[in-house]
Amino acid sequence: MENSKPNLSFGAKCLWLLCRSVAVLPHWVQYKCIAGFLYFLLRYVVRYRRKLIIKQIADSFPLKSEQEVAQICNEFYNHLAEVFISTMNMAGITDEEREKLIKFNVPDSVKEVVDGRHLVVLASHYGFWEYAQFVGLAITGYSMVGAYHPLSSKAWDELFQHLRTFKDVYPIPSQRYVRYFIENHKTGVAGKPMMLGLASDQNSPPKGKVHWYNFLNRPTLFFDGGEQLATKFSLPVVYLSMRKVAQGKYDCDVILVHDGREPLEKHEITERYVRLLERDIEREPAYWMWSHRRWKYYPDPVTGEPIYRRKGV
């Protein structure tokens, strides 16, 4: 079952051509000229979600001054502009170009634990998360199965599926992600074991009895689908810790979270993930996606049940 790029509608083809026209430009034009212009629009003209960004940063780092919070916000706008460029730059890149954009550091101890087993890969919206799907360049012999949330716009959804589909990379809608794994866990995908890629810091809608994690100075909900798969099928779990080394280029440490055999308490795998992500954000806060509304829910002080937080509150 070899993957292939999905067919594009007319609207998606136009968007892809726009991306490709940026992707073929020299690096300095992309990240100095175009990204600089996008930063100016985001920061000074549109002032994109500035109130939300400032509030979430300030609430996460209560000891930082207003000036420090504003500086992180401005650095985030610069990073967001680069994220737009890096996304467009994925249009038509080769395997050789992928290896130049991100370097994965995989300890031998991690390779020994993985050893051809299905593997849960926990990523986040930190750095440029789209590069996380390229971890198969360093841990070879796998098919990367990445969960994604379909977009409401058909053209944009087709574009992102197209941009995310590479050799041994299979984007799968999150609604049928677990079923896809269950259907293929005995045979693998394209004859290879699966890497199950999950960005677990998405806004998690409350379902049933929830568990709150202390994250960036407040109770927070997280997706625990990776933990559920790892626990049920005894799968090892790794976390991708990304660091920006230059404009559009990253290093990424592959950190073992769970070996798939160690007995753990419920929520422990997700708790370890949360602590690693929090450490990365505290180290370089500007590289997390602060423009996403992260804390839509908060716990009832008596029952702990999730309460929807109105916008602006």
Protein backbone atom coordinates (compact mmCIF):
# COMPACT_ATOMS: atom_id res chain seq x y z
CA MET A 1 0.00 0.00 0.00
CA GLU A 2 2.23 2.83 -1.25
CA ASN A 3 0.98 6.34 -0.60
CA SER A 4 0.51 8.92 -3.33
CA LYS A 5 -0.30 12.60 -3.43
CA PRO A 6 -4.09 13.19 -3.39
CA ASN A 7 -5.73 14.77 -6.41
CA LEU A 8 -6.34 18.50 -6.07
CA SER A 9 -9.39 20.56 -6.96
CA PHE A 10 -8.92 23.79 -8.92
CA GLY A 11 -8.88 25.90 -5.78
CA ALA A 12 -6.31 23.65 -4.09
CA LYS A 13 -4.13 23.68 -7.23
CA CYS A 14 -4.08 27.48 -7.13
CA LEU A 15 -3.01 27.40 -3.49
CA TRP A 16 -0.33 24.80 -4.21
CA LEU A 17 1.06 26.91 -7.08
CA LEU A 18 1.24 29.88 -4.70
CA CYS A 19 3.18 27.76 -2.22
CA ARG A 20 5.45 26.38 -4.94
CA SER A 21 6.20 29.88 -6.23
CA VAL A 22 7.54 30.73 -2.77
CA ALA A 23 9.33 27.39 -2.32
CA VAL A 24 11.57 27.92 -5.37
CA LEU A 25 12.81 31.31 -4.17
CA PRO A 26 16.24 31.70 -2.51
CA HIS A 27 16.28 31.19 1.26
CA TRP A 28 17.13 34.83 2.00
CA VAL A 29 14.19 36.05 -0.08
CA GLN A 30 11.82 33.68 1.74
CA TYR A 31 12.94 34.32 5.32
CA LYS A 32 14.26 37.88 5.13
CA CYS A 33 12.02 39.66 2.64
CA ILE A 34 8.69 37.79 2.60
CA ALA A 35 8.77 36.70 6.24
CA GLY A 36 9.75 40.23 7.24
CA PHE A 37 6.77 41.63 5.38
CA LEU A 38 4.45 39.05 6.97
CA TYR A 39 5.79 39.95 10.42
CA PHE A 40 5.01 43.62 9.77
CA LEU A 41 1.43 42.74 8.74
CA LEU A 42 0.85 40.42 11.69
CA ARG A 43 2.41 42.70 14.30
CA TYR A 44 1.50 46.23 13.22
CA VAL A 45 -1.36 46.07 10.69
CA VAL A 46 -3.57 43.10 11.57
CA ARG A 47 -2.34 42.83 15.19
CA TYR A 48 -3.31 39.18 14.87
CA ARG A 49 -5.01 37.93 18.06
CA ARG A 50 -2.73 40.17 20.08
CA LYS A 51 -4.98 40.38 23.15
CA LEU A 52 -5.29 36.58 23.32
CA ILE A 53 -1.55 36.05 22.81
CA ILE A 54 -0.58 38.62 25.46
CA LYS A 55 -3.06 37.22 27.99
CA GLN A 56 -2.00 33.60 27.52
CA ILE A 57 1.70 34.46 27.82
CA ALA A 58 1.12 36.67 30.87
CA ASP A 59 -0.99 34.01 32.60
CA SER A 60 1.63 31.35 31.84
CA PHE A 61 4.54 33.45 33.17
CA PRO A 62 3.15 35.56 36.03
CA LEU A 63 6.63 36.60 37.17
CA LYS A 64 7.50 38.23 33.85
CA SER A 65 7.06 41.98 33.44
CA GLU A 66 4.76 43.57 30.86
CA GLN A 67 7.82 44.41 28.79
CA GLU A 68 9.04 40.81 28.86
CA VAL A 69 5.59 39.51 27.88
CA ALA A 70 5.39 42.02 25.02
CA GLN A 71 8.85 40.95 23.84
CA ILE A 72 7.83 37.28 23.76
CA CYS A 73 4.69 38.28 21.81
CA ASN A 74 6.76 40.19 19.24
CA GLU A 75 9.17 37.27 18.89
CA PHE A 76 6.20 34.98 18.42
CA TYR A 77 4.92 37.12 15.53
CA ASN A 78 8.32 36.80 13.89
CA HIS A 79 8.24 33.03 14.40
CA LEU A 80 4.68 32.79 13.07
CA ALA A 81 5.73 34.58 9.88
CA GLU A 82 8.49 32.00 9.45
CA VAL A 83 5.98 29.18 10.05
CA PHE A 84 3.95 30.45 7.08
CA ILE A 85 7.06 30.43 4.91
CA SER A 86 8.15 26.96 6.08
CA THR A 87 4.67 25.62 5.31
CA MET A 88 4.78 26.95 1.75
CA ASN A 89 8.35 25.69 1.44
CA MET A 90 7.08 22.10 1.80
CA ALA A 91 5.60 22.28 -1.70
CA GLY A 92 7.75 19.95 -3.77
CA ILE A 93 10.73 19.45 -1.43
CA THR A 94 12.86 16.34 -1.92
CA ASP A 95 14.13 13.81 0.63
CA GLU A 96 17.56 15.46 0.44
CA GLU A 97 16.03 18.86 1.17
CA ARG A 98 14.06 17.44 4.10
CA GLU A 99 17.31 16.20 5.68
CA LYS A 100 18.73 19.72 5.47
CA LEU A 101 15.71 21.28 7.18
CA ILE A 102 15.67 19.15 10.33
CA LYS A 103 18.20 16.92 12.07
CA PHE A 104 16.91 14.23 14.43
CA ASN A 105 19.12 13.12 17.31
CA VAL A 106 18.17 9.54 18.19
CA PRO A 107 20.13 7.86 21.03
CA ASP A 108 21.11 4.24 20.50
CA SER A 109 19.15 3.38 23.64
CA VAL A 110 15.96 4.61 21.96
CA LYS A 111 16.66 2.59 18.81
CA GLU A 112 17.17 -0.53 20.94
CA VAL A 113 13.82 -0.07 22.68
CA VAL A 114 11.94 0.65 19.45
CA ASP A 115 13.52 -2.27 17.54
CA GLY A 116 10.89 -2.57 14.79
CA ARG A 117 7.84 -2.29 17.09
CA HIS A 118 4.94 0.03 16.39
CA LEU A 119 5.82 3.35 17.98
CA VAL A 120 3.85 6.32 19.38
CA VAL A 121 5.47 9.66 18.52
CA LEU A 122 4.23 12.59 20.61
CA ALA A 123 4.82 16.02 19.10
CA SER A 124 3.39 19.48 19.78
CA HIS A 125 2.78 22.84 18.15
CA TYR A 126 6.26 23.99 19.06
CA GLY A 127 8.90 25.06 16.55
CA PHE A 128 7.74 23.92 13.12
CA TRP A 129 5.67 20.85 13.94
CA GLU A 130 5.14 19.80 10.31
CA TYR A 131 8.77 18.63 10.25
CA ALA A 132 7.99 16.14 13.03
CA GLN A 133 6.56 13.76 10.43
CA PHE A 134 10.06 13.43 8.94
CA VAL A 135 11.39 11.50 11.95
CA GLY A 136 11.36 8.41 9.74
CA LEU A 137 14.49 9.84 8.09
CA ALA A 138 16.34 9.02 11.33
CA ILE A 139 14.40 5.98 12.61
CA THR A 140 14.23 4.07 9.36
CA GLY A 141 12.04 1.16 8.27
CA TYR A 142 8.76 2.74 9.40
CA SER A 143 5.60 4.20 7.92
CA MET A 144 4.69 7.47 9.64
CA VAL A 145 0.93 7.68 10.23
CA GLY A 146 0.18 11.25 11.26
CA ALA A 147 -3.14 12.33 12.76
CA TYR A 148 -4.59 15.59 11.46
CA HIS A 149 -7.77 17.57 11.99
CA PRO A 150 -9.59 18.16 8.66
CA LEU A 151 -10.13 21.83 7.80
CA SER A 152 -13.56 23.27 7.05
CA SER A 153 -12.34 24.65 3.70
CA LYS A 154 -12.13 21.85 1.12
CA ALA A 155 -9.38 23.59 -0.88
CA TRP A 156 -7.18 24.25 2.17
CA ASP A 157 -7.76 20.72 3.48
CA GLU A 158 -6.70 19.22 0.15
CA LEU A 159 -3.64 21.47 0.08
CA PHE A 160 -2.45 20.41 3.53
CA GLN A 161 -3.01 16.73 2.76
CA HIS A 162 -0.91 17.25 -0.37
CA LEU A 163 1.86 19.06 1.52
CA ARG A 164 1.94 16.39 4.25
CA THR A 165 2.10 13.34 1.97
CA PHE A 166 5.62 12.05 1.34
CA LYS A 167 7.23 8.67 0.87
CA ASP A 168 6.37 6.60 3.97
CA VAL A 169 4.24 9.44 5.41
CA TYR A 170 0.47 8.88 5.63
CA PRO A 171 -1.78 11.69 6.95
CA ILE A 172 -4.94 10.20 8.50
CA PRO A 173 -7.98 12.17 9.80
CA SER A 174 -8.07 12.06 13.60
CA GLN A 175 -11.68 10.77 13.57
CA ARG A 176 -10.61 7.45 12.10
CA TYR A 177 -7.06 7.32 13.42
CA VAL A 178 -7.54 4.62 16.06
CA ARG A 179 -9.56 2.46 13.68
CA TYR A 180 -6.82 2.82 11.05
CA PHE A 181 -4.23 1.55 13.51
CA ILE A 182 -6.39 -1.37 14.64
CA GLU A 183 -7.04 -2.36 11.01
CA ASN A 184 -3.31 -2.32 10.18
CA HIS A 185 -1.49 -3.16 13.40
CA LYS A 186 -0.97 -6.83 12.50
CA THR A 187 0.44 -6.21 9.01
CA GLY A 188 1.76 -2.68 9.27
CA VAL A 189 1.45 -0.11 6.49
CA ALA A 190 3.24 -0.83 3.21
CA GLY A 191 4.81 -3.82 4.98
CA LYS A 192 6.41 -1.61 7.67
CA PRO A 193 5.64 -1.01 11.35
CA MET A 194 3.87 2.24 12.13
CA MET A 195 4.99 5.42 13.77
CA LEU A 196 1.84 6.95 15.21
CA GLY A 197 2.37 10.71 15.07
CA LEU A 198 0.19 12.78 17.41
CA ALA A 199 0.29 16.49 18.29
CA SER A 200 -1.16 16.02 21.76
CA ASP A 201 -1.30 19.69 22.77
CA GLN A 202 -4.37 20.40 20.64
CA ASN A 203 -7.39 21.82 22.45
CA SER A 204 -8.94 18.75 24.00
CA PRO A 205 -12.75 18.80 24.16
CA PRO A 206 -13.97 17.23 27.42
CA LYS A 207 -15.42 13.74 27.03
CA GLY A 208 -16.61 11.76 30.02
CA LYS A 209 -14.47 11.91 33.13
CA VAL A 210 -11.51 14.21 32.47
CA HIS A 211 -8.07 14.49 34.02
CA TRP A 212 -6.49 17.89 34.65
CA TYR A 213 -2.74 18.47 34.24
CA ASN A 214 -0.89 21.35 35.87
CA PHE A 215 0.60 23.07 32.83
CA LEU A 216 2.01 26.59 32.53
CA ASN A 217 0.52 27.77 35.79
CA ARG A 218 -3.04 26.43 35.42
CA PRO A 219 -5.14 23.24 35.08
CA THR A 220 -5.14 22.07 31.45
CA LEU A 221 -6.77 19.32 29.39
CA PHE A 222 -4.65 17.25 26.99
CA PHE A 223 -5.43 14.62 24.39
CA ASP A 224 -4.45 11.21 25.74
CA GLY A 225 -4.99 9.13 22.60
CA GLY A 226 -1.28 8.32 22.44
CA GLU A 227 -1.30 7.01 25.98
CA GLN A 228 -4.41 4.91 25.33
CA LEU A 229 -2.84 3.26 22.28
CA ALA A 230 0.47 2.71 24.08
CA THR A 231 -1.23 1.16 27.10
CA LYS A 232 -3.61 -1.09 25.20
CA PHE A 233 -1.06 -2.41 22.71
CA SER A 234 2.15 -2.16 24.83
CA LEU A 235 3.77 0.36 22.49
CA PRO A 236 6.89 2.43 23.20
CA VAL A 237 6.41 6.21 23.27
CA VAL A 238 8.85 8.96 22.30
CA TYR A 239 8.66 12.74 22.51
CA LEU A 240 10.09 15.09 19.88
CA SER A 241 11.89 18.03 21.49
CA MET A 242 12.46 20.60 18.76
CA ARG A 243 14.97 23.47 18.79
CA LYS A 244 15.32 26.21 16.21
CA VAL A 245 18.92 26.52 14.95
CA ALA A 246 18.34 28.93 12.04
CA GLN A 247 15.46 30.42 10.08
CA GLY A 248 13.41 27.45 8.83
CA LYS A 249 15.86 24.88 10.24
CA TYR A 250 15.63 22.77 13.39
CA ASP A 251 17.30 20.13 15.51
CA CYS A 252 15.10 17.58 17.26
CA ASP A 253 15.94 15.29 20.18
CA VAL A 254 13.99 12.02 20.26
CA ILE A 255 13.34 11.32 23.94
CA LEU A 256 12.01 8.03 25.30
CA VAL A 257 8.85 8.55 27.36
CA HIS A 258 7.80 4.92 27.85
CA ASP A 259 9.36 1.65 26.76
CA GLY A 260 6.00 -0.09 26.30
CA ARG A 261 6.76 -2.58 29.07
CA GLU A 262 7.23 -0.60 32.27
CA PRO A 263 4.07 -0.72 34.45
CA LEU A 264 2.73 2.79 34.89
CA GLU A 265 -0.10 4.51 36.67
CA LYS A 266 -2.92 5.91 34.54
CA HIS A 267 -2.10 9.34 33.04
CA GLU A 268 1.65 8.89 33.70
CA ILE A 269 2.63 8.81 30.00
CA THR A 270 0.72 12.02 29.29
CA GLU A 271 2.11 13.58 32.48
CA ARG A 272 5.67 12.91 31.26
CA TYR A 273 4.80 14.43 27.89
CA VAL A 274 3.34 17.52 29.57
CA ARG A 275 6.48 18.05 31.65
CA LEU A 276 8.76 17.76 28.60
CA LEU A 277 6.64 20.16 26.56
CA GLU A 278 6.49 22.65 29.44
CA ARG A 279 10.28 22.51 29.74
CA ASP A 280 10.68 23.33 26.03
CA ILE A 281 8.25 26.24 26.22
CA GLU A 282 9.90 27.71 29.32
CA ARG A 283 13.29 27.49 27.58
CA GLU A 284 12.19 29.38 24.42
CA PRO A 285 8.58 30.55 24.88
CA ALA A 286 8.23 32.40 21.57
CA TYR A 287 8.20 29.17 19.54
CA TRP A 288 4.92 27.75 20.85
CA MET A 289 1.64 28.59 19.08
CA TRP A 290 0.24 31.17 21.47
CA SER A 291 -2.36 32.32 18.95
CA HIS A 292 -4.36 29.09 19.49
CA ARG A 293 -6.97 29.43 22.22
CA ARG A 294 -5.37 26.92 24.57
CA TRP A 295 -7.51 27.12 27.70
CA LYS A 296 -11.12 26.92 26.55
CA TYR A 297 -12.08 25.05 29.72
CA TYR A 298 -11.31 25.33 33.42
CA PRO A 299 -12.28 23.01 36.29
CA ASP A 300 -15.23 23.69 38.54
CA PRO A 301 -13.66 24.50 41.93
CA VAL A 302 -15.93 22.01 43.71
CA THR A 303 -16.58 19.13 41.31
CA GLY A 304 -13.63 19.47 38.92
CA GLU A 305 -16.03 19.24 35.98
CA PRO A 306 -14.93 21.28 32.93
CA ILE A 307 -16.56 24.68 32.47
CA TYR A 308 -16.41 26.47 29.12
CA ARG A 309 -14.50 29.73 29.31
CA ARG A 310 -16.14 32.55 27.36
CA LYS A 311 -13.91 34.34 24.85
CA GLY A 312 -12.03 37.20 26.40
CA VAL A 313 -12.23 35.71 29.91
